[in-house]
Amino acid sequence: MSRLRDAALRLRVRERIEDGRLPVMAPRRINGSHGSGHICGVCDQPITSDQVDYELADYRDGKRLCFHQDCCMVWEIECARRA
């Protein structure tokens, strides 16, 4: 991941955490599967069949959160920084 993309993802994750669209949590379990078109909770792009869909449940309401690999890593790092 390039530094520019990494910085943009970090900023997007921080904004989404602050406005409540993403939770701050340490997930107990993250499921990985072939993408099936779900929209990534960070970058708003579809997770295609040639990518891995990282999926977990939002502890606040149980809704499914889906992420690309890089997006999930950045979100987890930001959550850890706030813990």
Protein backbone atom coordinates (compact mmCIF):
# COMPACT_ATOMS: atom_id res chain seq x y z
CA MET A 1 0.00 0.00 0.00
CA SER A 2 1.43 3.38 -0.93
CA ARG A 3 1.95 6.04 1.72
CA LEU A 4 -0.52 8.35 -0.01
CA ARG A 5 -3.21 5.65 -0.08
CA ASP A 6 -2.41 4.69 3.51
CA ALA A 7 -2.78 8.31 4.66
CA ALA A 8 -6.08 8.69 2.79
CA LEU A 9 -7.44 5.47 4.31
CA ARG A 10 -6.38 6.52 7.81
CA LEU A 11 -8.11 9.87 7.39
CA ARG A 12 -11.28 8.22 6.09
CA VAL A 13 -11.30 5.71 8.96
CA ARG A 14 -10.79 8.47 11.55
CA GLU A 15 -13.64 10.49 10.06
CA ARG A 16 -15.96 7.48 10.04
CA ILE A 17 -15.10 6.58 13.61
CA GLU A 18 -15.71 10.16 14.75
CA ASP A 19 -19.07 10.45 12.98
CA GLY A 20 -20.18 7.02 14.23
CA ARG A 21 -20.25 5.14 10.93
CA LEU A 22 -17.50 2.80 12.17
CA PRO A 23 -17.17 1.45 15.69
CA VAL A 24 -14.06 1.43 17.86
CA MET A 25 -13.69 -2.20 18.80
CA ALA A 26 -11.38 -5.17 18.88
CA PRO A 27 -13.37 -7.79 17.00
CA ARG A 28 -13.49 -11.25 18.50
CA ARG A 29 -13.77 -12.80 15.08
CA ILE A 30 -13.27 -11.69 11.49
CA ASN A 31 -14.49 -13.97 8.72
CA GLY A 32 -12.79 -13.96 5.37
CA SER A 33 -14.40 -15.09 2.13
CA HIS A 34 -14.36 -14.37 -1.58
CA GLY A 35 -15.83 -10.98 -2.29
CA SER A 36 -19.39 -10.93 -3.55
CA GLY A 37 -19.94 -7.26 -4.22
CA HIS A 38 -20.44 -6.00 -0.66
CA ILE A 39 -19.45 -2.37 -0.26
CA CYS A 40 -16.37 -1.75 1.88
CA GLY A 41 -17.11 0.18 5.07
CA VAL A 42 -14.00 2.31 4.61
CA CYS A 43 -13.50 3.06 0.91
CA ASP A 44 -17.09 2.60 -0.35
CA GLN A 45 -15.87 0.38 -3.22
CA PRO A 46 -17.30 -3.07 -3.95
CA ILE A 47 -15.34 -6.09 -2.77
CA THR A 48 -15.01 -8.13 -5.94
CA SER A 49 -14.76 -11.88 -6.35
CA ASP A 50 -10.99 -11.69 -6.88
CA GLN A 51 -10.58 -9.97 -3.49
CA VAL A 52 -11.08 -11.18 0.08
CA ASP A 53 -14.08 -9.82 1.98
CA TYR A 54 -13.24 -9.35 5.66
CA GLU A 55 -16.54 -9.47 7.52
CA LEU A 56 -17.45 -8.93 11.17
CA ALA A 57 -20.40 -7.92 13.32
CA ASP A 58 -20.64 -4.38 14.70
CA TYR A 59 -20.93 -4.78 18.48
CA ARG A 60 -23.33 -1.83 18.66
CA ASP A 61 -26.13 -3.30 16.59
CA GLY A 62 -24.92 -6.60 15.15
CA LYS A 63 -24.91 -5.27 11.59
CA ARG A 64 -22.40 -6.73 9.18
CA LEU A 65 -19.27 -4.70 8.42
CA CYS A 66 -17.29 -5.61 5.30
CA PHE A 67 -13.80 -4.46 4.42
CA HIS A 68 -11.02 -4.97 1.89
CA GLN A 69 -7.82 -6.31 3.48
CA ASP A 70 -5.97 -2.97 3.54
CA CYS A 71 -9.05 -1.13 4.75
CA CYS A 72 -9.56 -3.65 7.56
CA MET A 73 -5.92 -3.34 8.65
CA VAL A 74 -6.11 0.45 8.80
CA TRP A 75 -9.40 0.31 10.74
CA GLU A 76 -7.91 -2.16 13.25
CA ILE A 77 -4.83 0.04 13.73
CA GLU A 78 -6.98 3.11 14.33
CA CYS A 79 -9.14 1.19 16.83
CA ALA A 80 -6.03 0.03 18.71
CA ARG A 81 -4.72 3.60 18.85
CA ARG A 82 -7.93 4.70 20.58
CA ALA A 83 -8.05 1.85 23.10
